[in-house]
Amino acid sequence: MEESKKIIEKIKKERIRQKPKWYFVVPNILIWLSFIILIFVGAAAFSIVLLSIQQTDFNLVSHMSHSKVEFFLGLLPFFWIVILLIFLGGALFTFKKSKKGYKFGWTRLLGLSTAVSILLGTMFFIGGGGHWLENTFAEQVSYYESIQQQKQKIWMKPEEGFLSGVIEKIDGDNLQLIDFNNKRWNIDYGDSFISPSVSLKKGEQVKLIGKITDVNTFQAKEMRAWGGQNRQRKWNGHEKNSSNGNSKK
């Protein structure tokens, strides 16, 4: 009893007050809220990584004069990979500070957080979220180099046999194409392989493999859709796709 009296006297002397329940509940809620936000941002970043992979036509890698590694690295969204790693790491440390975070080892926690980010990111990508987020950054952030811009660097090298742009006019086995630098080309595609995903009509965005045969004349050996079916917006005249990087504000 003597010990209990000392404790009571100490409480009275130091005016110790019982802390309200919210004092403990709110920080835990904030930790979980931060964890959820970090996971969702990581998932959004992963969806753009998937978008980058979707935009890479691996069937054409063998045609590249530069190395396959260089081709692949040219389309990697390093900005979003860094964002993914940063927010995934932030999610790990945040969860560790939660009330029951001590029960999870780092390896188990890393696997769980990564799996959740991949699952949510894949769903976001399937729903078109990655494409929307990529376009939003390309239009609103002036210094951001979009996947489409990186892609154009690879497919705007006619002297190396790679050309891309929009079909303006079709005449038999020839067509007029306006490339992404707004230059007009005469394309001979009579003996070329044409991917089933290509619609030979005005406004179709395509990428070509072939060679320059004359001034502003290009003989195509292969013709493929620029971004796959239903993933490209048609041009009207010379109006450019808002996702090609030239329509930035």
Protein backbone atom coordinates (compact mmCIF):
# COMPACT_ATOMS: atom_id res chain seq x y z
CA MET A 1 0.00 0.00 0.00
CA GLU A 2 2.92 2.27 0.76
CA GLU A 3 4.01 1.98 -2.89
CA SER A 4 0.54 2.81 -4.18
CA LYS A 5 0.42 5.94 -1.98
CA LYS A 6 3.71 7.09 -3.45
CA ILE A 7 2.35 6.63 -6.97
CA ILE A 8 -0.81 8.59 -6.14
CA GLU A 9 1.24 11.40 -4.56
CA LYS A 10 3.47 11.53 -7.63
CA ILE A 11 0.43 11.77 -9.92
CA LYS A 12 -0.97 14.63 -7.85
CA LYS A 13 2.36 16.39 -7.58
CA GLU A 14 3.20 16.21 -11.29
CA ARG A 15 -0.44 16.74 -12.28
CA ILE A 16 -0.40 13.72 -14.55
CA ARG A 17 -3.63 13.43 -16.52
CA GLN A 18 -5.02 10.44 -18.37
CA LYS A 19 -4.61 10.92 -22.10
CA PRO A 20 -7.81 10.67 -24.15
CA LYS A 21 -8.40 7.69 -26.43
CA TRP A 22 -8.07 9.77 -29.57
CA TYR A 23 -4.47 10.57 -28.62
CA PHE A 24 -3.59 6.97 -29.47
CA VAL A 25 -6.19 6.29 -32.16
CA VAL A 26 -5.54 9.31 -34.44
CA PRO A 27 -1.79 8.67 -34.99
CA ASN A 28 -2.54 5.06 -35.88
CA ILE A 29 -5.24 6.18 -38.35
CA LEU A 30 -2.82 8.67 -39.91
CA ILE A 31 -0.18 5.96 -40.27
CA TRP A 32 -2.62 3.64 -42.05
CA LEU A 33 -3.91 6.48 -44.22
CA SER A 34 -0.34 7.33 -45.23
CA PHE A 35 0.34 3.67 -45.98
CA ILE A 36 -2.73 3.44 -48.25
CA ILE A 37 -1.80 6.65 -50.11
CA LEU A 38 1.78 5.45 -50.62
CA ILE A 39 0.57 2.08 -51.93
CA PHE A 40 -1.86 3.74 -54.36
CA VAL A 41 0.78 6.12 -55.70
CA GLY A 42 3.14 3.17 -56.15
CA ALA A 43 0.37 1.29 -57.96
CA ALA A 44 -0.20 4.26 -60.29
CA ALA A 45 3.52 4.35 -61.07
CA PHE A 46 3.49 0.61 -61.80
CA SER A 47 0.58 1.07 -64.21
CA ILE A 48 2.73 3.43 -66.29
CA VAL A 49 5.57 0.91 -66.26
CA LEU A 50 3.06 -1.57 -67.70
CA LEU A 51 2.03 1.05 -70.26
CA SER A 52 5.65 1.39 -71.33
CA ILE A 53 5.93 -2.37 -71.79
CA GLN A 54 2.67 -2.40 -73.75
CA GLN A 55 4.02 0.29 -76.07
CA THR A 56 7.15 -1.74 -76.82
CA ASP A 57 6.75 -3.86 -79.95
CA PHE A 58 9.20 -6.65 -79.18
CA ASN A 59 8.52 -8.24 -82.57
CA LEU A 60 10.58 -5.45 -84.10
CA VAL A 61 13.59 -5.63 -81.79
CA SER A 62 15.47 -7.84 -84.27
CA HIS A 63 15.27 -5.03 -86.85
CA MET A 64 16.99 -2.50 -84.65
CA SER A 65 20.48 -1.44 -85.66
CA HIS A 66 21.29 -0.53 -82.07
CA SER A 67 21.35 -3.15 -79.33
CA LYS A 68 18.25 -4.73 -77.84
CA VAL A 69 19.27 -3.39 -74.44
CA GLU A 70 19.50 0.15 -75.82
CA PHE A 71 16.09 -0.24 -77.45
CA PHE A 72 14.51 -1.46 -74.22
CA LEU A 73 16.19 1.20 -72.06
CA GLY A 74 15.00 3.86 -74.50
CA LEU A 75 11.40 3.18 -73.54
CA LEU A 76 11.81 2.54 -69.82
CA PRO A 77 9.96 5.18 -67.75
CA PHE A 78 12.80 5.80 -65.29
CA PHE A 79 10.89 8.66 -63.64
CA TRP A 80 8.02 6.34 -62.73
CA ILE A 81 10.31 3.48 -61.70
CA VAL A 82 12.00 5.84 -59.22
CA ILE A 83 8.59 7.01 -57.96
CA LEU A 84 7.50 3.38 -57.56
CA LEU A 85 10.61 2.49 -55.51
CA ILE A 86 10.39 5.62 -53.34
CA PHE A 87 6.72 5.19 -52.47
CA LEU A 88 7.04 1.43 -52.01
CA GLY A 89 9.89 2.06 -49.56
CA GLY A 90 7.83 4.74 -47.83
CA ALA A 91 4.94 2.31 -47.49
CA LEU A 92 7.21 -0.27 -45.85
CA PHE A 93 8.55 2.14 -43.21
CA THR A 94 5.09 3.57 -42.58
CA PHE A 95 3.56 0.15 -42.00
CA LYS A 96 6.41 -0.74 -39.64
CA LYS A 97 5.36 2.16 -37.42
CA SER A 98 1.77 0.96 -37.20
CA LYS A 99 0.42 -0.70 -34.06
CA LYS A 100 0.99 -4.23 -35.36
CA GLY A 101 3.83 -3.51 -37.75
CA TYR A 102 6.38 -5.16 -35.48
CA LYS A 103 4.78 -8.54 -36.20
CA PHE A 104 5.90 -8.43 -39.85
CA GLY A 105 9.47 -9.06 -40.97
CA TRP A 106 10.98 -6.84 -43.68
CA THR A 107 10.97 -9.63 -46.27
CA ARG A 108 7.33 -10.53 -45.65
CA LEU A 109 6.31 -6.88 -45.61
CA LEU A 110 8.19 -6.15 -48.84
CA GLY A 111 6.50 -9.08 -50.59
CA LEU A 112 3.05 -8.05 -49.35
CA SER A 113 3.43 -4.38 -50.31
CA THR A 114 4.86 -5.26 -53.72
CA ALA A 115 2.05 -7.72 -54.42
CA VAL A 116 -0.62 -5.16 -53.48
CA SER A 117 1.01 -2.45 -55.65
CA ILE A 118 1.29 -4.83 -58.62
CA LEU A 119 -2.33 -5.96 -58.27
CA LEU A 120 -3.73 -2.43 -57.95
CA GLY A 121 -1.39 -1.11 -60.65
CA THR A 122 -2.49 -3.83 -63.07
CA MET A 123 -6.16 -3.04 -62.42
CA PHE A 124 -5.44 0.67 -62.87
CA PHE A 125 -3.67 -0.05 -66.17
CA ILE A 126 -6.47 -2.28 -67.47
CA GLY A 127 -8.96 0.46 -66.65
CA GLY A 128 -6.98 3.00 -68.70
CA GLY A 129 -5.66 4.84 -65.67
CA GLY A 130 -2.01 4.52 -66.67
CA HIS A 131 -2.69 6.00 -70.10
CA TRP A 132 -4.68 8.88 -68.56
CA LEU A 133 -1.99 9.64 -65.95
CA GLU A 134 0.78 9.53 -68.57
CA ASN A 135 -1.12 11.94 -70.83
CA THR A 136 -1.87 14.28 -67.92
CA PHE A 137 1.80 14.53 -66.98
CA ALA A 138 2.81 15.00 -70.62
CA GLU A 139 0.39 17.92 -70.97
CA GLN A 140 0.86 19.60 -67.60
CA VAL A 141 4.54 19.07 -66.71
CA SER A 142 6.81 20.84 -69.18
CA TYR A 143 10.04 19.03 -68.27
CA TYR A 144 8.47 15.56 -68.28
CA GLU A 145 9.46 13.35 -71.21
CA SER A 146 6.54 11.07 -71.98
CA ILE A 147 6.66 7.49 -73.20
CA GLN A 148 5.40 8.72 -76.56
CA GLN A 149 8.32 11.17 -76.86
CA GLN A 150 10.82 8.45 -75.98
CA LYS A 151 9.16 6.20 -78.52
CA GLN A 152 9.38 8.88 -81.21
CA LYS A 153 13.14 9.18 -80.67
CA ILE A 154 13.44 5.56 -81.75
CA TRP A 155 10.89 5.64 -84.58
CA MET A 156 11.86 8.98 -86.11
CA LYS A 157 15.14 7.87 -87.71
CA PRO A 158 14.33 7.45 -91.42
CA GLU A 159 18.02 7.40 -92.33
CA GLU A 160 18.30 4.24 -90.20
CA GLY A 161 15.13 2.73 -91.67
CA PHE A 162 12.56 3.76 -89.06
CA LEU A 163 9.74 6.19 -89.76
CA SER A 164 6.45 6.96 -88.05
CA GLY A 165 3.57 9.36 -88.46
CA VAL A 166 0.01 9.69 -89.62
CA ILE A 167 -1.52 8.61 -92.93
CA GLU A 168 -2.84 11.64 -94.81
CA LYS A 169 -3.77 10.12 -98.17
CA ILE A 170 -3.84 6.68 -99.83
CA ASP A 171 -3.43 6.09 -103.56
CA GLY A 172 -3.10 2.45 -104.60
CA ASP A 173 0.16 1.01 -103.26
CA ASN A 174 1.33 4.47 -102.21
CA LEU A 175 0.34 6.75 -99.41
CA GLN A 176 1.26 10.17 -98.06
CA LEU A 177 2.40 10.27 -94.48
CA ILE A 178 3.05 13.22 -92.18
CA ASP A 179 5.69 12.28 -89.63
CA PHE A 180 5.77 13.52 -86.06
CA ASN A 181 8.02 16.42 -87.12
CA ASN A 182 5.27 17.54 -89.52
CA LYS A 183 7.26 16.50 -92.59
CA ARG A 184 5.40 14.94 -95.54
CA TRP A 185 6.60 11.63 -97.01
CA ASN A 186 5.60 9.53 -100.01
CA ILE A 187 5.43 5.90 -98.89
CA ASP A 188 5.63 2.91 -101.22
CA TYR A 189 4.13 -0.02 -99.31
CA GLY A 190 3.22 -2.32 -102.20
CA ASP A 191 5.44 -5.23 -101.12
CA SER A 192 5.38 -4.57 -97.40
CA PHE A 193 4.06 -6.65 -94.53
CA ILE A 194 1.05 -4.89 -93.00
CA SER A 195 0.07 -5.81 -89.46
CA PRO A 196 -3.59 -6.86 -88.99
CA SER A 197 -3.91 -4.08 -86.39
CA VAL A 198 -3.38 -1.39 -89.06
CA SER A 199 -6.39 0.27 -90.67
CA LEU A 200 -5.27 1.71 -93.99
CA LYS A 201 -7.17 4.97 -93.85
CA LYS A 202 -6.63 8.65 -93.27
CA GLY A 203 -5.73 9.51 -89.69
CA GLU A 204 -4.17 6.15 -88.83
CA GLN A 205 -0.93 6.40 -86.86
CA VAL A 206 1.68 3.91 -88.06
CA LYS A 207 5.33 3.00 -87.69
CA LEU A 208 7.34 1.79 -90.66
CA ILE A 209 10.50 -0.18 -91.29
CA GLY A 210 12.17 0.30 -94.65
CA LYS A 211 14.56 2.66 -96.37
CA ILE A 212 14.77 6.07 -98.02
CA THR A 213 14.79 5.69 -101.81
CA ASP A 214 14.54 9.35 -102.84
CA VAL A 215 13.95 12.81 -101.40
CA ASN A 216 10.92 12.51 -99.08
CA THR A 217 10.29 8.99 -100.45
CA PHE A 218 10.36 5.92 -98.24
CA GLN A 219 9.92 2.29 -99.25
CA ALA A 220 8.23 0.35 -96.46
CA LYS A 221 9.02 -3.28 -95.70
CA GLU A 222 6.80 -3.47 -92.62
CA MET A 223 3.90 -1.36 -91.40
CA ARG A 224 2.50 -1.61 -87.88
CA ALA A 225 0.08 0.35 -85.72
CA TRP A 226 1.76 3.08 -83.69
CA GLY A 227 0.24 2.15 -80.36
CA GLY A 228 -1.95 -0.88 -80.98
CA GLN A 229 -5.64 -1.03 -81.82
CA ASN A 230 -7.95 1.33 -79.98
CA ARG A 231 -5.01 2.99 -78.24
CA GLN A 232 -4.51 5.83 -80.69
CA ARG A 233 -6.47 8.97 -81.37
CA LYS A 234 -6.99 9.86 -85.01
CA TRP A 235 -5.66 13.03 -86.49
CA ASN A 236 -7.76 15.50 -88.39
CA GLY A 237 -5.58 17.06 -91.06
CA HIS A 238 -2.41 18.28 -89.35
CA GLU A 239 -3.74 18.28 -85.79
CA LYS A 240 -1.43 16.17 -83.69
CA ASN A 241 -2.21 13.55 -81.10
CA SER A 242 -2.24 15.11 -77.67
CA SER A 243 -0.12 12.24 -76.39
CA ASN A 244 2.71 12.51 -78.89
CA GLY A 245 4.54 15.06 -76.81
CA ASN A 246 4.20 18.02 -79.20
CA SER A 247 0.99 19.29 -77.71
CA LYS A 248 2.40 20.16 -74.35
CA LYS A 249 1.31 23.31 -72.73
